[in-house]
Amino acid sequence: MKDLYDLDKFEAWQLKQINRSRMYLQAITISDISTACSTTTNQARISRLPTRVEFSGYNWPQQKSPDLKYWELWRVACRALLNPEKVLSTPLGQ
C-alpha cells in the first residue's frame, strides 16, 4: 500500500477501496500479488474475481468481497506498479 500511496496517483477514497481489496485477498506486500519470479503481478491476484493468498499466518479481519467496480480500481492500482514492459517498476528484493 505504501508503494501505491507514494505514487500519488490515487485519492484517499480510492486508496481505502484498494485497501479493502487487499484485505479481502489477504495480501500484505507486493510479493503476495506477484509471480514466483517476482518480476510482474500474478494474474490470479488481479483478475476480475481474484483469488486469495493461499496461506497466511495472520488473523485477518472479515472483509467481504468488494463490488466489481472496486475490483477494477484494484486492477488499475496493480498496473500502476508496473512499467511499460509490464514488469514491476521496483523489483522485489532490491
N, C-alpha and C. Protein backbone atom coordinates (compact mmCIF):
# COMPACT_ATOMS: atom_id res chain seq x y z
N MET A 1 0.82 -1.20 0.00
CA MET A 1 0.00 0.00 0.00
C MET A 1 0.85 1.25 0.00
N LYS A 2 1.96 1.21 0.69
CA LYS A 2 2.81 2.39 0.73
C LYS A 2 3.31 2.73 -0.67
N ASP A 3 3.62 1.72 -1.47
CA ASP A 3 4.07 1.98 -2.83
C ASP A 3 2.99 2.71 -3.63
N LEU A 4 1.74 2.32 -3.46
CA LEU A 4 0.64 2.99 -4.16
C LEU A 4 0.45 4.41 -3.64
N TYR A 5 0.57 4.58 -2.34
CA TYR A 5 0.46 5.91 -1.75
C TYR A 5 1.56 6.82 -2.28
N ASP A 6 2.77 6.29 -2.36
CA ASP A 6 3.91 7.07 -2.83
C ASP A 6 3.80 7.49 -4.30
N LEU A 7 3.02 6.74 -5.08
CA LEU A 7 2.84 7.10 -6.49
C LEU A 7 2.08 8.41 -6.65
N ASP A 8 1.27 8.76 -5.65
CA ASP A 8 0.48 9.98 -5.66
C ASP A 8 -0.47 10.03 -6.86
N LYS A 9 -1.02 8.86 -7.23
CA LYS A 9 -1.95 8.77 -8.35
C LYS A 9 -3.38 8.53 -7.92
N PHE A 10 -3.58 8.25 -6.62
CA PHE A 10 -4.89 7.87 -6.14
C PHE A 10 -5.34 8.81 -5.02
N GLU A 11 -6.65 9.10 -5.02
CA GLU A 11 -7.23 9.91 -3.96
C GLU A 11 -7.44 9.05 -2.72
N ALA A 12 -7.70 9.69 -1.60
CA ALA A 12 -7.83 8.98 -0.33
C ALA A 12 -8.95 7.93 -0.39
N TRP A 13 -10.10 8.27 -0.98
CA TRP A 13 -11.21 7.30 -1.04
C TRP A 13 -10.82 6.10 -1.90
N GLN A 14 -10.02 6.33 -2.95
CA GLN A 14 -9.58 5.23 -3.81
C GLN A 14 -8.62 4.31 -3.05
N LEU A 15 -7.72 4.91 -2.29
CA LEU A 15 -6.79 4.10 -1.51
C LEU A 15 -7.53 3.23 -0.48
N LYS A 16 -8.63 3.76 0.07
CA LYS A 16 -9.42 2.97 1.02
C LYS A 16 -10.04 1.76 0.32
N GLN A 17 -10.56 1.98 -0.87
CA GLN A 17 -11.17 0.87 -1.62
C GLN A 17 -10.11 -0.14 -2.05
N ILE A 18 -8.96 0.35 -2.47
CA ILE A 18 -7.86 -0.55 -2.85
C ILE A 18 -7.45 -1.37 -1.63
N ASN A 19 -7.40 -0.75 -0.48
CA ASN A 19 -7.03 -1.45 0.75
C ASN A 19 -8.06 -2.51 1.10
N ARG A 20 -9.33 -2.25 0.86
CA ARG A 20 -10.36 -3.27 1.12
C ARG A 20 -10.14 -4.49 0.24
N SER A 21 -9.79 -4.25 -1.02
CA SER A 21 -9.49 -5.37 -1.92
C SER A 21 -8.27 -6.13 -1.42
N ARG A 22 -7.25 -5.41 -1.01
CA ARG A 22 -6.03 -6.03 -0.49
C ARG A 22 -6.34 -6.88 0.73
N MET A 23 -7.18 -6.36 1.63
CA MET A 23 -7.53 -7.11 2.83
C MET A 23 -8.35 -8.35 2.47
N TYR A 24 -9.26 -8.24 1.51
CA TYR A 24 -10.03 -9.41 1.08
C TYR A 24 -9.09 -10.49 0.55
N LEU A 25 -8.09 -10.08 -0.21
CA LEU A 25 -7.13 -11.02 -0.77
C LEU A 25 -6.13 -11.53 0.27
N GLN A 26 -6.07 -10.87 1.40
CA GLN A 26 -5.12 -11.18 2.47
C GLN A 26 -3.68 -11.04 1.97
N ALA A 27 -3.45 -9.96 1.26
CA ALA A 27 -2.12 -9.65 0.72
C ALA A 27 -1.50 -8.54 1.57
N ILE A 28 -0.28 -8.78 2.02
CA ILE A 28 0.40 -7.77 2.84
C ILE A 28 1.37 -6.96 2.00
N THR A 29 2.17 -7.64 1.20
CA THR A 29 3.20 -6.97 0.42
C THR A 29 3.00 -7.23 -1.07
N ILE A 30 3.76 -6.53 -1.87
CA ILE A 30 3.69 -6.73 -3.32
C ILE A 30 4.04 -8.17 -3.68
N SER A 31 4.91 -8.78 -2.92
CA SER A 31 5.28 -10.18 -3.21
C SER A 31 4.07 -11.11 -3.11
N ASP A 32 3.07 -10.73 -2.33
CA ASP A 32 1.86 -11.56 -2.22
C ASP A 32 1.01 -11.53 -3.48
N ILE A 33 1.21 -10.54 -4.32
CA ILE A 33 0.42 -10.46 -5.56
C ILE A 33 1.31 -10.59 -6.79
N SER A 34 2.57 -10.95 -6.59
CA SER A 34 3.48 -11.07 -7.73
C SER A 34 3.68 -12.53 -8.10
N THR A 35 4.31 -12.75 -9.25
CA THR A 35 4.62 -14.10 -9.70
C THR A 35 5.79 -14.65 -8.89
N ALA A 36 6.03 -15.93 -9.02
CA ALA A 36 7.13 -16.57 -8.28
C ALA A 36 8.48 -15.98 -8.65
N CYS A 37 8.64 -15.53 -9.89
CA CYS A 37 9.92 -14.95 -10.30
C CYS A 37 10.05 -13.49 -9.84
N SER A 38 8.99 -12.95 -9.25
CA SER A 38 8.99 -11.61 -8.64
C SER A 38 9.23 -10.48 -9.63
N THR A 39 8.82 -10.68 -10.88
CA THR A 39 9.04 -9.61 -11.86
C THR A 39 7.75 -8.93 -12.30
N THR A 40 6.62 -9.57 -12.11
CA THR A 40 5.35 -9.00 -12.52
C THR A 40 4.24 -9.45 -11.59
N THR A 41 3.04 -8.96 -11.80
CA THR A 41 1.92 -9.34 -10.94
C THR A 41 1.34 -10.68 -11.39
N ASN A 42 0.83 -11.42 -10.44
CA ASN A 42 0.19 -12.70 -10.68
C ASN A 42 -1.24 -12.43 -11.16
N GLN A 43 -1.57 -12.87 -12.35
CA GLN A 43 -2.89 -12.59 -12.91
C GLN A 43 -4.02 -13.15 -12.04
N ALA A 44 -3.77 -14.22 -11.31
CA ALA A 44 -4.80 -14.77 -10.42
C ALA A 44 -5.15 -13.80 -9.31
N ARG A 45 -4.25 -12.88 -8.99
CA ARG A 45 -4.49 -11.90 -7.92
C ARG A 45 -5.11 -10.60 -8.44
N ILE A 46 -5.11 -10.42 -9.74
CA ILE A 46 -5.67 -9.16 -10.26
C ILE A 46 -6.76 -9.39 -11.30
N SER A 47 -7.20 -10.63 -11.46
CA SER A 47 -8.25 -10.93 -12.43
C SER A 47 -9.58 -10.34 -11.98
N ARG A 48 -10.61 -10.56 -12.78
CA ARG A 48 -11.92 -10.00 -12.45
C ARG A 48 -12.40 -10.44 -11.07
N LEU A 49 -12.20 -11.69 -10.75
CA LEU A 49 -12.52 -12.19 -9.41
C LEU A 49 -11.28 -12.88 -8.87
N PRO A 50 -10.36 -12.11 -8.31
CA PRO A 50 -9.07 -12.66 -7.88
C PRO A 50 -9.20 -13.67 -6.74
N THR A 51 -8.17 -14.48 -6.63
CA THR A 51 -8.13 -15.48 -5.57
C THR A 51 -7.29 -14.97 -4.40
N ARG A 52 -7.64 -15.42 -3.23
CA ARG A 52 -6.91 -15.01 -2.03
C ARG A 52 -5.56 -15.70 -1.95
N VAL A 53 -4.69 -15.14 -1.14
CA VAL A 53 -3.42 -15.77 -0.84
C VAL A 53 -3.74 -17.09 -0.13
N GLU A 54 -3.11 -18.17 -0.56
CA GLU A 54 -3.46 -19.49 -0.04
C GLU A 54 -3.13 -19.67 1.43
N PHE A 55 -1.96 -19.22 1.83
CA PHE A 55 -1.52 -19.47 3.20
C PHE A 55 -1.13 -18.15 3.85
N SER A 56 -1.81 -17.83 4.90
CA SER A 56 -1.49 -16.62 5.63
C SER A 56 -1.42 -16.96 7.11
N GLY A 57 -0.36 -16.58 7.74
CA GLY A 57 -0.19 -16.85 9.16
C GLY A 57 -0.84 -15.80 10.04
N TYR A 58 -1.56 -14.87 9.42
CA TYR A 58 -2.16 -13.77 10.17
C TYR A 58 -3.64 -14.01 10.39
N ASN A 59 -4.16 -13.42 11.43
CA ASN A 59 -5.58 -13.46 11.72
C ASN A 59 -6.21 -12.22 11.10
N TRP A 60 -6.82 -12.38 9.93
CA TRP A 60 -7.34 -11.25 9.16
C TRP A 60 -8.75 -10.88 9.61
N PRO A 61 -9.10 -9.58 9.52
CA PRO A 61 -10.49 -9.20 9.79
C PRO A 61 -11.39 -9.73 8.68
N GLN A 62 -12.65 -9.93 9.01
CA GLN A 62 -13.60 -10.37 7.98
C GLN A 62 -13.82 -9.22 7.00
N GLN A 63 -13.57 -9.48 5.74
CA GLN A 63 -13.76 -8.46 4.71
C GLN A 63 -14.50 -9.12 3.56
N LYS A 64 -15.70 -8.63 3.28
CA LYS A 64 -16.45 -9.22 2.17
C LYS A 64 -15.81 -8.76 0.85
N SER A 65 -16.11 -9.50 -0.18
CA SER A 65 -15.55 -9.17 -1.49
C SER A 65 -16.08 -7.82 -1.96
N PRO A 66 -15.20 -6.92 -2.36
CA PRO A 66 -15.64 -5.61 -2.84
C PRO A 66 -16.50 -5.73 -4.10
N ASP A 67 -17.25 -4.68 -4.40
CA ASP A 67 -18.05 -4.63 -5.62
C ASP A 67 -17.14 -4.70 -6.84
N LEU A 68 -17.70 -5.11 -7.97
CA LEU A 68 -16.92 -5.25 -9.19
C LEU A 68 -16.23 -3.95 -9.61
N LYS A 69 -16.88 -2.81 -9.38
CA LYS A 69 -16.25 -1.54 -9.78
C LYS A 69 -14.98 -1.28 -8.97
N TYR A 70 -14.92 -1.79 -7.74
CA TYR A 70 -13.72 -1.61 -6.94
C TYR A 70 -12.64 -2.61 -7.30
N TRP A 71 -13.03 -3.77 -7.85
CA TRP A 71 -12.01 -4.69 -8.37
C TRP A 71 -11.33 -4.06 -9.57
N GLU A 72 -12.07 -3.29 -10.35
CA GLU A 72 -11.43 -2.59 -11.48
C GLU A 72 -10.41 -1.59 -10.95
N LEU A 73 -10.74 -0.89 -9.89
CA LEU A 73 -9.80 0.05 -9.27
C LEU A 73 -8.57 -0.71 -8.76
N TRP A 74 -8.78 -1.89 -8.19
CA TRP A 74 -7.67 -2.74 -7.74
C TRP A 74 -6.74 -3.07 -8.91
N ARG A 75 -7.32 -3.43 -10.06
CA ARG A 75 -6.50 -3.77 -11.22
C ARG A 75 -5.73 -2.56 -11.73
N VAL A 76 -6.36 -1.40 -11.71
CA VAL A 76 -5.67 -0.16 -12.10
C VAL A 76 -4.48 0.07 -11.16
N ALA A 77 -4.70 -0.12 -9.88
CA ALA A 77 -3.63 0.08 -8.90
C ALA A 77 -2.49 -0.91 -9.13
N CYS A 78 -2.83 -2.16 -9.40
CA CYS A 78 -1.79 -3.17 -9.64
C CYS A 78 -1.00 -2.84 -10.91
N ARG A 79 -1.69 -2.38 -11.94
CA ARG A 79 -0.99 -2.00 -13.18
C ARG A 79 -0.10 -0.79 -12.96
N ALA A 80 -0.46 0.07 -12.00
CA ALA A 80 0.36 1.25 -11.70
C ALA A 80 1.72 0.86 -11.12
N LEU A 81 1.82 -0.36 -10.61
CA LEU A 81 3.09 -0.83 -10.05
C LEU A 81 4.04 -1.35 -11.13
N LEU A 82 3.54 -1.44 -12.36
CA LEU A 82 4.33 -1.99 -13.47
C LEU A 82 4.86 -0.90 -14.37
N ASN A 83 5.97 -1.17 -15.02
CA ASN A 83 6.50 -0.23 -16.01
C ASN A 83 5.88 -0.56 -17.37
N PRO A 84 6.18 0.19 -18.44
CA PRO A 84 5.56 -0.08 -19.74
C PRO A 84 5.80 -1.49 -20.28
N GLU A 85 6.86 -2.16 -19.83
CA GLU A 85 7.13 -3.53 -20.27
C GLU A 85 6.37 -4.55 -19.42
N LYS A 86 5.49 -4.07 -18.53
CA LYS A 86 4.67 -4.89 -17.64
C LYS A 86 5.53 -5.69 -16.64
N VAL A 87 6.59 -5.07 -16.21
CA VAL A 87 7.48 -5.61 -15.19
C VAL A 87 7.38 -4.68 -13.98
N LEU A 88 7.49 -5.25 -12.79
CA LEU A 88 7.42 -4.40 -11.59
C LEU A 88 8.43 -3.27 -11.69
N SER A 89 7.97 -2.05 -11.46
CA SER A 89 8.85 -0.88 -11.54
C SER A 89 10.01 -0.98 -10.56
N THR A 90 9.73 -1.51 -9.38
CA THR A 90 10.78 -1.74 -8.38
C THR A 90 10.86 -3.24 -8.15
N PRO A 91 11.87 -3.89 -8.69
CA PRO A 91 11.99 -5.35 -8.50
C PRO A 91 12.03 -5.71 -7.02
N LEU A 92 11.41 -6.82 -6.68
CA LEU A 92 11.38 -7.25 -5.28
C LEU A 92 12.79 -7.65 -4.84
N GLY A 93 13.09 -7.35 -3.60
CA GLY A 93 14.38 -7.70 -3.04
C GLY A 93 15.49 -6.74 -3.39
N GLN A 94 15.13 -5.61 -4.00
CA GLN A 94 16.16 -4.63 -4.36
C GLN A 94 15.83 -3.27 -3.79
